[in-house]
């Protein structure tokens, strides 16, 4: 007699799909747009995605911590883009 627990597990795995992938997608920093955040601790950059379904897409992202041109960021998701910085006053080293 077959193990009754094996069939439900197989059916569950067959219909199971992930909305987001478990692996991060690399993106290279093309341009540093400016600083944002309450104290200027966030850097907004334009990054070009190197792999995955959105390969070649260029998008704005907010980065916390030190970042330079040609750095490689590992993005968990590539669907959401950061809002544009509205004000002309920017804090930090990029003013």
N, C-alpha and C. Protein backbone atom coordinates (compact mmCIF):
# COMPACT_ATOMS: atom_id res chain seq x y z
N UNK A 1 0.83 -1.17 0.00
CA UNK A 1 0.00 0.00 0.00
C UNK A 1 0.88 1.25 0.00
N UNK A 2 0.52 2.22 -0.82
CA UNK A 2 1.32 3.44 -0.96
C UNK A 2 1.14 4.35 0.26
N UNK A 3 2.10 5.17 0.46
CA UNK A 3 2.06 6.12 1.57
C UNK A 3 1.02 7.20 1.25
N UNK A 4 -0.04 7.35 2.07
CA UNK A 4 -1.09 8.32 1.75
C UNK A 4 -0.63 9.78 1.85
N UNK A 5 0.46 10.03 2.54
CA UNK A 5 0.92 11.40 2.70
C UNK A 5 1.69 11.90 1.48
N UNK A 6 2.18 11.02 0.63
CA UNK A 6 3.00 11.45 -0.50
C UNK A 6 2.18 12.14 -1.59
N UNK A 7 0.94 11.72 -1.83
CA UNK A 7 0.13 12.32 -2.89
C UNK A 7 -0.22 13.78 -2.61
N UNK A 8 -0.71 14.13 -1.44
CA UNK A 8 -1.02 15.56 -1.21
C UNK A 8 0.20 16.47 -1.34
N UNK A 9 1.38 15.98 -0.92
CA UNK A 9 2.58 16.79 -1.04
C UNK A 9 2.93 17.04 -2.50
N UNK A 10 2.79 16.02 -3.33
CA UNK A 10 3.08 16.18 -4.75
C UNK A 10 2.10 17.15 -5.41
N UNK A 11 0.84 17.05 -5.08
CA UNK A 11 -0.16 17.95 -5.65
C UNK A 11 0.06 19.38 -5.18
N UNK A 12 0.44 19.53 -3.93
CA UNK A 12 0.67 20.87 -3.40
C UNK A 12 1.87 21.53 -4.09
N UNK A 13 2.93 20.79 -4.31
CA UNK A 13 4.11 21.35 -4.95
C UNK A 13 3.86 21.63 -6.43
N UNK A 14 3.03 20.84 -7.08
CA UNK A 14 2.76 21.02 -8.50
C UNK A 14 2.04 22.35 -8.77
N UNK A 15 1.08 22.71 -7.96
CA UNK A 15 0.32 23.93 -8.16
C UNK A 15 0.94 25.16 -7.51
N UNK A 16 2.03 24.97 -6.81
CA UNK A 16 2.65 26.05 -6.05
C UNK A 16 3.53 26.89 -6.97
N UNK A 17 3.28 28.22 -6.99
CA UNK A 17 4.12 29.14 -7.75
C UNK A 17 4.52 30.30 -6.87
N UNK A 18 5.73 30.75 -7.03
CA UNK A 18 6.20 31.90 -6.25
C UNK A 18 6.00 33.17 -7.05
N UNK A 19 5.52 34.22 -6.37
CA UNK A 19 5.33 35.51 -7.03
C UNK A 19 6.68 36.20 -7.21
N UNK A 20 7.53 36.10 -6.22
CA UNK A 20 8.86 36.70 -6.27
C UNK A 20 9.90 35.60 -6.21
N UNK A 21 11.00 35.79 -6.90
CA UNK A 21 12.04 34.78 -6.89
C UNK A 21 12.84 34.87 -5.59
N UNK A 22 13.44 33.76 -5.21
CA UNK A 22 14.23 33.71 -3.99
C UNK A 22 15.62 34.28 -4.19
N UNK A 23 16.06 34.41 -5.43
CA UNK A 23 17.42 34.88 -5.67
C UNK A 23 17.40 36.37 -6.00
N UNK A 24 18.47 37.05 -5.65
CA UNK A 24 18.59 38.47 -5.93
C UNK A 24 19.07 38.68 -7.37
N UNK A 25 18.75 39.83 -7.93
CA UNK A 25 19.10 40.16 -9.30
C UNK A 25 20.16 41.25 -9.28
N UNK A 26 21.29 41.07 -9.99
CA UNK A 26 22.32 42.11 -9.98
C UNK A 26 21.95 43.30 -10.86
N UNK A 27 22.33 44.48 -10.40
CA UNK A 27 22.12 45.72 -11.15
C UNK A 27 23.33 46.62 -10.93
N UNK A 28 23.78 47.28 -11.98
CA UNK A 28 24.96 48.14 -11.88
C UNK A 28 24.51 49.60 -11.79
N UNK A 29 25.18 50.39 -10.93
CA UNK A 29 24.85 51.81 -10.73
C UNK A 29 25.38 52.60 -11.92
N UNK A 30 24.47 53.25 -12.64
CA UNK A 30 24.84 54.06 -13.80
C UNK A 30 25.02 55.53 -13.45
N UNK A 31 24.19 56.03 -12.53
CA UNK A 31 24.18 57.45 -12.22
C UNK A 31 23.74 57.64 -10.78
N UNK A 32 24.35 58.61 -10.10
CA UNK A 32 23.91 58.99 -8.76
C UNK A 32 23.06 60.24 -8.91
N UNK A 33 21.78 60.12 -8.59
CA UNK A 33 20.82 61.21 -8.80
C UNK A 33 20.90 62.23 -7.68
N UNK A 34 20.93 61.78 -6.44
CA UNK A 34 20.99 62.72 -5.32
C UNK A 34 20.74 62.05 -4.00
N UNK A 35 20.64 62.89 -2.95
CA UNK A 35 20.41 62.40 -1.60
C UNK A 35 18.98 62.69 -1.19
N UNK A 36 18.41 61.80 -0.41
CA UNK A 36 17.05 61.98 0.07
C UNK A 36 16.95 61.40 1.47
N UNK A 37 15.78 61.44 2.02
CA UNK A 37 15.59 61.01 3.40
C UNK A 37 15.57 62.21 4.32
N UNK A 38 15.11 62.03 5.50
CA UNK A 38 14.97 63.14 6.46
C UNK A 38 16.30 63.80 6.77
N UNK A 39 17.36 63.01 6.90
CA UNK A 39 18.68 63.55 7.21
C UNK A 39 19.65 63.36 6.05
N UNK A 40 19.18 63.01 4.88
CA UNK A 40 20.05 62.82 3.73
C UNK A 40 20.82 61.52 3.75
N UNK A 41 20.29 60.53 4.44
CA UNK A 41 21.00 59.26 4.61
C UNK A 41 20.77 58.28 3.46
N UNK A 42 19.84 58.58 2.58
CA UNK A 42 19.50 57.70 1.47
C UNK A 42 20.03 58.32 0.17
N UNK A 43 20.64 57.51 -0.68
CA UNK A 43 21.12 57.96 -1.97
C UNK A 43 20.23 57.39 -3.05
N UNK A 44 19.73 58.24 -3.93
CA UNK A 44 18.93 57.76 -5.06
C UNK A 44 19.84 57.58 -6.26
N UNK A 45 19.78 56.39 -6.87
CA UNK A 45 20.65 56.06 -7.99
C UNK A 45 19.82 55.55 -9.16
N UNK A 46 20.39 55.61 -10.35
CA UNK A 46 19.80 54.98 -11.51
C UNK A 46 20.62 53.72 -11.77
N UNK A 47 19.96 52.57 -11.78
CA UNK A 47 20.64 51.29 -11.91
C UNK A 47 20.11 50.53 -13.12
N UNK A 48 21.00 49.82 -13.80
CA UNK A 48 20.62 49.00 -14.95
C UNK A 48 20.68 47.54 -14.54
N UNK A 49 19.58 46.82 -14.76
CA UNK A 49 19.48 45.43 -14.35
C UNK A 49 20.24 44.55 -15.33
N UNK A 50 21.03 43.62 -14.79
CA UNK A 50 21.92 42.80 -15.61
C UNK A 50 21.35 41.43 -15.95
N UNK A 51 20.47 40.88 -15.11
CA UNK A 51 19.93 39.54 -15.33
C UNK A 51 18.45 39.51 -14.98
N UNK A 52 17.82 38.41 -15.30
CA UNK A 52 16.42 38.21 -14.93
C UNK A 52 15.45 38.65 -16.00
N UNK A 53 14.19 38.69 -15.62
CA UNK A 53 13.13 39.00 -16.59
C UNK A 53 13.16 40.44 -17.06
N UNK A 54 13.69 41.35 -16.23
CA UNK A 54 13.76 42.78 -16.58
C UNK A 54 15.16 43.18 -17.04
N UNK A 55 15.88 42.26 -17.60
CA UNK A 55 17.26 42.51 -18.04
C UNK A 55 17.33 43.69 -19.01
N UNK A 56 18.26 44.62 -18.76
CA UNK A 56 18.43 45.79 -19.60
C UNK A 56 17.59 46.99 -19.16
N UNK A 57 16.67 46.78 -18.25
CA UNK A 57 15.81 47.86 -17.76
C UNK A 57 16.60 48.77 -16.84
N UNK A 58 16.43 50.09 -16.99
CA UNK A 58 17.08 51.07 -16.15
C UNK A 58 16.04 51.67 -15.22
N UNK A 59 16.31 51.69 -13.92
CA UNK A 59 15.32 52.17 -12.96
C UNK A 59 15.98 52.91 -11.81
N UNK A 60 15.18 53.78 -11.16
CA UNK A 60 15.63 54.51 -9.98
C UNK A 60 15.44 53.64 -8.75
N UNK A 61 16.46 53.65 -7.89
CA UNK A 61 16.36 52.91 -6.64
C UNK A 61 16.95 53.75 -5.52
N UNK A 62 16.44 53.57 -4.32
CA UNK A 62 16.99 54.20 -3.13
C UNK A 62 17.95 53.22 -2.47
N UNK A 63 19.14 53.72 -2.13
CA UNK A 63 20.17 52.88 -1.54
C UNK A 63 20.59 53.48 -0.22
N UNK A 64 20.68 52.66 0.79
CA UNK A 64 21.15 53.12 2.09
C UNK A 64 22.57 52.62 2.28
N UNK A 65 23.45 53.51 2.62
CA UNK A 65 24.85 53.16 2.81
C UNK A 65 25.70 53.70 1.68
N UNK A 66 27.01 53.45 1.76
CA UNK A 66 27.91 53.99 0.74
C UNK A 66 27.69 53.34 -0.62
N UNK A 67 27.70 54.16 -1.67
CA UNK A 67 27.52 53.65 -3.03
C UNK A 67 28.29 54.55 -3.99
N UNK A 68 28.88 53.94 -5.02
CA UNK A 68 29.63 54.68 -6.04
C UNK A 68 29.16 54.23 -7.42
N UNK A 69 29.62 54.96 -8.44
CA UNK A 69 29.33 54.56 -9.82
C UNK A 69 29.96 53.19 -10.08
N UNK A 70 29.30 52.40 -10.90
CA UNK A 70 29.71 51.06 -11.31
C UNK A 70 29.70 50.04 -10.17
N UNK A 71 29.10 50.36 -9.03
CA UNK A 71 28.88 49.37 -7.99
C UNK A 71 27.78 48.42 -8.44
N UNK A 72 27.83 47.18 -7.98
CA UNK A 72 26.79 46.21 -8.31
C UNK A 72 25.89 46.06 -7.10
N UNK A 73 24.60 46.32 -7.30
CA UNK A 73 23.59 46.14 -6.26
C UNK A 73 22.88 44.82 -6.50
N UNK A 74 22.54 44.13 -5.43
CA UNK A 74 21.75 42.91 -5.55
C UNK A 74 20.32 43.25 -5.12
N UNK A 75 19.41 43.27 -6.09
CA UNK A 75 18.03 43.68 -5.85
C UNK A 75 17.15 42.47 -5.61
N UNK A 76 16.33 42.52 -4.58
CA UNK A 76 15.39 41.43 -4.32
C UNK A 76 14.23 41.45 -5.29
N UNK A 77 13.79 42.64 -5.67
CA UNK A 77 12.69 42.76 -6.62
C UNK A 77 12.97 43.91 -7.58
N UNK A 78 12.41 43.80 -8.77
CA UNK A 78 12.65 44.80 -9.81
C UNK A 78 11.35 45.40 -10.33
N UNK A 79 10.26 45.20 -9.61
CA UNK A 79 8.96 45.70 -10.06
C UNK A 79 8.70 47.14 -9.62
N UNK A 80 9.16 47.49 -8.43
CA UNK A 80 8.84 48.80 -7.86
C UNK A 80 10.02 49.74 -8.06
N UNK A 81 9.72 50.93 -8.57
CA UNK A 81 10.74 51.96 -8.79
C UNK A 81 10.55 53.06 -7.77
N UNK A 82 11.65 53.69 -7.36
CA UNK A 82 11.60 54.77 -6.37
C UNK A 82 11.00 56.02 -7.00
N UNK A 83 10.34 56.84 -6.17
CA UNK A 83 9.80 58.11 -6.65
C UNK A 83 10.91 59.10 -6.94
N UNK A 84 10.67 60.04 -7.83
CA UNK A 84 11.65 61.08 -8.13
C UNK A 84 11.81 61.99 -6.94
N UNK A 85 13.01 62.54 -6.78
CA UNK A 85 13.26 63.53 -5.74
C UNK A 85 12.61 64.83 -6.21
N UNK A 86 11.74 65.41 -5.37
CA UNK A 86 10.95 66.57 -5.79
C UNK A 86 11.68 67.89 -5.59
N UNK A 87 12.43 68.02 -4.53
CA UNK A 87 13.02 69.31 -4.20
C UNK A 87 14.39 69.47 -4.85
N UNK A 88 14.79 70.74 -5.03
CA UNK A 88 16.11 71.01 -5.56
C UNK A 88 17.17 71.00 -4.47
N UNK A 89 16.75 71.06 -3.20
CA UNK A 89 17.69 71.06 -2.09
C UNK A 89 18.00 69.61 -1.76
N UNK A 90 19.27 69.26 -1.90
CA UNK A 90 19.69 67.90 -1.57
C UNK A 90 20.80 67.97 -0.53
N UNK A 91 20.78 67.06 0.40
CA UNK A 91 21.78 67.04 1.46
C UNK A 91 22.89 66.08 1.09
N UNK A 92 24.04 66.27 1.68
CA UNK A 92 25.13 65.34 1.50
C UNK A 92 26.17 65.82 0.54
N UNK A 93 26.99 64.91 0.05
CA UNK A 93 28.16 65.25 -0.77
C UNK A 93 27.80 65.51 -2.23
N UNK A 94 26.59 65.25 -2.65
CA UNK A 94 26.24 65.36 -4.05
C UNK A 94 25.52 66.65 -4.40
N UNK A 95 25.59 67.68 -3.54
CA UNK A 95 24.93 68.95 -3.82
C UNK A 95 25.80 69.89 -4.60
